Amino acid sequence: MKFINKYKSVNFNLRKKGHKIKYVILHYTAIKSDYKAIQHLIDKKNKVSSHFLINKKGKIFSLVDLKKRAWHAGKSFWKGDRDINSDSIGIELDNTGHYLNFEKYTKKQIDSLIKLLNFLKKKYDIDNLNFLGHSDISPYRKNDPGEKFPWKKLFKYNLGFLPYKLTEREYIKIKKKLNLNKNKSLNQKVIYMLSNIGYDISQIEENKKNFFLLIRAYQMHFRQKLVNGKLDKETLKMIVSHFNQTLTI
């Protein structure tokens, strides 16, 4: 695997003491070309960076040393961790995203990503549950890498996590076994489960629209065929399965 070291970002600092690399966060650039995206990520005034950028031809650009803290996650949260930049590696994928054309990710791009993720997983012993999208760690403000990102393909290569699809009988059995508080509303139960999976639920009460954004973020990663922010039965079954599996892993 070859890294291109032609461009280097000045936007980084030291990882905070006591933090170790345990997450990989995937982004799309939302910029028209790989060259413009790289220029944006290395420009001091933008105060943003990532460790890697992979363009549509599958070329991997190394922009920040892995030992350093790149500035890609912003205000984010996962499983109680709030300084995700200190705990993670950020990878940008050359794609215009929801803001422009949101084209499909190319085969060469994803093939290179899989090689890179395998390298990082082995080097840092990264758990499959910790390959995440920017929308997972910042569900109320970010959409990347979006519903066109092939999480299922990564899962086939033992990279990332997808919930086991439940039958109706299994769904009823697990719901009964979990014994969630009967006095809570369905939405409250879902919020509780998503919190245990890792999502930030701190902004739900202050803005009811944020429940929609939270469900939408979950769907963009785990139920991509219909991303509408609505808690339909298929999404609910997937969350129940996901919650149950994280309790037993």
Protein backbone atom coordinates (compact mmCIF):
# COMPACT_ATOMS: atom_id res chain seq x y z
CA MET A 1 0.00 0.00 0.00
CA LYS A 2 1.48 3.31 -1.12
CA PHE A 3 0.94 6.64 0.61
CA ILE A 4 1.42 9.91 -1.26
CA ASN A 5 3.28 12.37 0.97
CA LYS A 6 3.34 15.32 -1.43
CA TYR A 7 0.95 17.43 0.67
CA LYS A 8 1.12 17.99 4.42
CA SER A 9 -1.33 19.83 6.66
CA VAL A 10 -0.20 22.21 9.39
CA ASN A 11 -3.55 21.77 11.14
CA PHE A 12 -2.77 19.35 13.94
CA ASN A 13 -1.56 19.19 17.52
CA LEU A 14 -0.66 16.56 20.13
CA ARG A 15 -3.17 13.93 21.17
CA LYS A 16 -4.23 14.59 24.75
CA LYS A 17 -2.37 12.66 27.41
CA GLY A 18 -4.00 9.38 28.35
CA HIS A 19 -5.86 9.03 25.04
CA LYS A 20 -5.16 6.25 22.56
CA ILE A 21 -6.31 5.55 19.01
CA LYS A 22 -9.47 3.43 19.12
CA TYR A 23 -11.76 4.90 16.45
CA VAL A 24 -11.61 5.43 12.70
CA ILE A 25 -13.94 8.19 11.50
CA LEU A 26 -14.99 8.31 7.83
CA HIS A 27 -15.93 11.53 6.06
CA TYR A 28 -16.72 12.82 2.60
CA THR A 29 -15.02 16.00 1.45
CA ALA A 30 -18.13 17.78 0.05
CA ILE A 31 -15.77 19.63 -2.32
CA LYS A 32 -15.74 19.42 -6.16
CA SER A 33 -12.27 17.90 -6.63
CA ASP A 34 -9.62 16.04 -4.69
CA TYR A 35 -7.08 18.81 -5.33
CA LYS A 36 -9.37 21.50 -3.92
CA ALA A 37 -10.18 19.26 -0.95
CA ILE A 38 -6.50 18.71 -0.19
CA GLN A 39 -5.81 22.44 -0.45
CA HIS A 40 -8.66 23.08 1.98
CA LEU A 41 -7.33 20.50 4.46
CA ILE A 42 -3.77 21.83 4.46
CA ASP A 43 -4.60 25.55 4.56
CA LYS A 44 -3.83 26.97 8.00
CA LYS A 45 -6.73 29.41 8.01
CA ASN A 46 -9.33 26.63 7.68
CA LYS A 47 -8.31 24.93 10.95
CA VAL A 48 -9.40 21.52 9.67
CA SER A 49 -7.50 18.41 8.62
CA SER A 50 -7.56 14.62 8.35
CA HIS A 51 -4.90 11.97 8.48
CA PHE A 52 -5.73 10.65 5.02
CA LEU A 53 -7.63 11.54 1.87
CA ILE A 54 -8.53 8.91 -0.73
CA ASN A 55 -9.43 10.19 -4.18
CA LYS A 56 -11.69 8.58 -6.78
CA LYS A 57 -8.73 6.82 -8.43
CA GLY A 58 -7.88 5.14 -5.14
CA LYS A 59 -4.77 7.18 -4.40
CA ILE A 60 -4.14 7.60 -0.67
CA PHE A 61 -2.76 10.97 0.44
CA SER A 62 -1.16 11.09 3.88
CA LEU A 63 -1.77 14.60 5.25
CA VAL A 64 -1.13 14.29 9.01
CA ASP A 65 1.17 11.93 10.91
CA LEU A 66 -0.82 9.21 12.68
CA LYS A 67 0.83 10.09 15.97
CA LYS A 68 -0.68 13.59 15.78
CA ARG A 69 -4.18 14.82 16.53
CA ALA A 70 -5.85 15.84 13.26
CA TRP A 71 -8.82 18.22 13.37
CA HIS A 72 -11.56 16.30 11.58
CA ALA A 73 -14.25 15.40 14.14
CA GLY A 74 -15.12 18.79 15.60
CA LYS A 75 -17.72 18.80 18.37
CA SER A 76 -18.55 15.12 18.65
CA PHE A 77 -19.36 12.26 21.03
CA TRP A 78 -19.30 8.46 21.16
CA LYS A 79 -19.76 6.20 24.19
CA GLY A 80 -18.86 8.98 26.61
CA ASP A 81 -15.81 10.16 24.66
CA ARG A 82 -15.94 13.84 23.75
CA ASP A 83 -12.44 14.48 22.40
CA ILE A 84 -12.81 12.15 19.43
CA ASN A 85 -9.89 13.84 17.64
CA SER A 86 -7.52 12.58 20.35
CA ASP A 87 -8.95 9.05 20.11
CA SER A 88 -9.25 8.62 16.36
CA ILE A 89 -7.90 8.59 12.84
CA GLY A 90 -9.79 10.66 10.29
CA ILE A 91 -10.17 9.61 6.65
CA GLU A 92 -11.65 11.88 3.99
CA LEU A 93 -13.13 10.35 0.83
CA ASP A 94 -13.23 12.47 -2.31
CA ASN A 95 -16.99 12.87 -2.86
CA THR A 96 -19.16 15.95 -3.29
CA GLY A 97 -21.71 14.66 -0.77
CA HIS A 98 -25.25 15.82 -0.04
CA TYR A 99 -24.25 19.44 -0.57
CA LEU A 100 -23.44 18.96 -4.27
CA ASN A 101 -23.90 15.88 -6.51
CA PHE A 102 -23.39 13.05 -3.98
CA GLU A 103 -22.04 10.59 -6.53
CA LYS A 104 -21.38 6.94 -5.76
CA TYR A 105 -18.03 6.06 -4.21
CA THR A 106 -15.77 4.43 -6.80
CA LYS A 107 -14.57 0.83 -6.66
CA LYS A 108 -10.91 1.90 -6.68
CA GLN A 109 -11.60 4.31 -3.84
CA ILE A 110 -13.29 1.69 -1.66
CA ASP A 111 -10.70 -0.97 -2.48
CA SER A 112 -7.96 1.40 -1.29
CA LEU A 113 -10.00 2.26 1.79
CA ILE A 114 -10.37 -1.44 2.70
CA LYS A 115 -6.59 -1.90 2.45
CA LEU A 116 -6.02 1.16 4.62
CA LEU A 117 -8.59 0.11 7.21
CA ASN A 118 -7.08 -3.36 7.45
CA PHE A 119 -3.69 -1.78 8.05
CA LEU A 120 -5.06 0.54 10.75
CA LYS A 121 -7.13 -2.19 12.41
CA LYS A 122 -4.07 -4.41 12.76
CA LYS A 123 -1.73 -1.59 13.82
CA TYR A 124 -4.01 -0.17 16.53
CA ASP A 125 -6.19 -3.19 17.37
CA ILE A 126 -9.36 -1.27 16.48
CA ASP A 127 -12.64 -2.93 17.46
CA ASN A 128 -15.14 -3.51 14.64
CA LEU A 129 -17.70 -1.44 16.58
CA ASN A 130 -15.41 1.59 16.29
CA PHE A 131 -15.40 2.15 12.53
CA LEU A 132 -17.80 5.09 12.39
CA GLY A 133 -19.08 7.86 10.18
CA HIS A 134 -18.98 11.54 11.02
CA SER A 135 -22.77 11.41 11.23
CA ASP A 136 -22.54 8.78 13.99
CA ILE A 137 -20.44 10.96 16.26
CA SER A 138 -22.18 14.24 15.29
CA PRO A 139 -25.74 13.22 14.32
CA TYR A 140 -27.28 16.68 14.70
CA ARG A 141 -24.91 18.51 12.37
CA LYS A 142 -23.23 16.04 9.98
CA ASN A 143 -24.40 13.71 7.18
CA ASP A 144 -21.16 12.12 5.99
CA PRO A 145 -20.20 9.69 4.63
CA GLY A 146 -23.93 9.27 3.90
CA GLU A 147 -26.26 6.52 2.77
CA LYS A 148 -24.29 5.80 -0.42
CA PHE A 149 -21.25 4.71 1.55
CA PRO A 150 -20.89 0.87 1.29
CA TRP A 151 -20.79 -0.13 4.96
CA LYS A 152 -22.03 -3.61 3.99
CA LYS A 153 -18.99 -4.16 1.77
CA LEU A 154 -16.67 -3.20 4.62
CA PHE A 155 -18.52 -5.61 6.90
CA LYS A 156 -17.84 -8.45 4.44
CA TYR A 157 -14.12 -7.77 4.97
CA ASN A 158 -14.54 -7.89 8.77
CA LEU A 159 -14.38 -4.12 9.03
CA GLY A 160 -17.17 -2.43 10.95
CA PHE A 161 -20.40 -3.78 12.40
CA LEU A 162 -23.91 -4.44 11.12
CA PRO A 163 -26.78 -5.65 13.32
CA TYR A 164 -28.12 -9.15 12.81
CA LYS A 165 -31.47 -9.06 10.98
CA LEU A 166 -34.16 -10.41 13.30
CA THR A 167 -37.16 -12.53 12.40
CA GLU A 168 -40.46 -11.43 13.91
CA ARG A 169 -40.28 -14.25 16.47
CA GLU A 170 -36.71 -13.30 17.48
CA TYR A 171 -37.71 -9.64 17.70
CA ILE A 172 -40.57 -10.35 20.13
CA LYS A 173 -38.39 -12.71 22.19
CA ILE A 174 -35.54 -10.20 22.52
CA LYS A 175 -37.89 -7.34 23.36
CA LYS A 176 -39.29 -9.44 26.18
CA LYS A 177 -35.82 -10.49 27.36
CA LEU A 178 -34.54 -6.90 27.41
CA ASN A 179 -37.43 -5.92 29.71
CA LEU A 180 -37.18 -2.22 28.94
CA ASN A 181 -39.11 0.03 31.31
CA LYS A 182 -42.79 -0.39 30.42
CA ASN A 183 -43.62 3.09 31.67
CA LYS A 184 -41.44 4.73 29.03
CA SER A 185 -42.73 5.78 25.61
CA LEU A 186 -41.42 4.02 22.49
CA ASN A 187 -39.27 7.05 21.64
CA GLN A 188 -37.77 7.07 25.14
CA LYS A 189 -36.90 3.39 24.83
CA VAL A 190 -35.25 3.98 21.45
CA ILE A 191 -33.27 6.92 22.83
CA TYR A 192 -32.09 4.72 25.71
CA MET A 193 -30.96 1.97 23.31
CA LEU A 194 -29.17 4.38 20.96
CA SER A 195 -27.41 5.94 23.95
CA ASN A 196 -26.12 2.53 24.99
CA ILE A 197 -24.98 1.85 21.42
CA GLY A 198 -22.90 5.02 21.64
CA TYR A 199 -24.88 7.96 20.24
CA ASP A 200 -25.14 11.40 21.82
CA ILE A 201 -28.65 11.90 23.20
CA SER A 202 -27.91 15.07 25.16
CA GLN A 203 -29.65 17.34 22.64
CA ILE A 204 -32.89 15.38 22.27
CA GLU A 205 -34.91 17.11 24.98
CA GLU A 206 -34.01 20.66 23.95
CA ASN A 207 -35.13 20.18 20.35
CA LYS A 208 -37.72 17.63 19.19
CA LYS A 209 -36.37 17.77 15.63
CA ASN A 210 -33.18 16.18 16.93
CA PHE A 211 -34.95 12.83 17.40
CA PHE A 212 -35.59 12.84 13.65
CA LEU A 213 -31.91 13.67 13.00
CA LEU A 214 -30.76 10.93 15.36
CA ILE A 215 -32.88 8.29 13.63
CA ARG A 216 -31.74 9.59 10.25
CA ALA A 217 -28.08 9.31 11.27
CA TYR A 218 -28.66 5.74 12.40
CA GLN A 219 -30.38 4.87 9.12
CA MET A 220 -27.55 6.37 7.02
CA HIS A 221 -25.20 3.84 8.54
CA PHE A 222 -27.33 0.81 9.31
CA ARG A 223 -30.57 0.98 7.23
CA GLN A 224 -29.54 2.71 4.00
CA LYS A 225 -32.33 1.67 1.66
CA LEU A 226 -34.73 4.20 3.21
CA VAL A 227 -33.28 7.20 5.03
CA ASN A 228 -36.14 9.41 6.15
CA GLY A 229 -35.68 9.95 9.89
CA LYS A 230 -38.88 8.05 10.68
CA LEU A 231 -38.91 5.31 13.29
CA ASP A 232 -40.53 2.61 11.15
CA LYS A 233 -40.69 -1.01 12.29
CA GLU A 234 -37.65 -2.12 10.28
CA THR A 235 -35.49 0.59 11.83
CA LEU A 236 -36.84 -0.26 15.28
CA LYS A 237 -36.08 -3.98 14.84
CA MET A 238 -32.56 -3.11 13.75
CA ILE A 239 -31.99 -0.87 16.80
CA VAL A 240 -33.31 -3.62 19.12
CA SER A 241 -31.00 -6.16 17.48
CA HIS A 242 -28.05 -3.74 17.63
CA PHE A 243 -28.67 -2.94 21.29
CA ASN A 244 -29.00 -6.63 22.17
CA GLN A 245 -25.77 -7.52 20.34
CA THR A 246 -23.76 -4.75 22.00
CA LEU A 247 -24.86 -6.13 25.37
CA THR A 248 -23.59 -9.60 24.50
CA ILE A 249 -20.39 -8.77 22.58
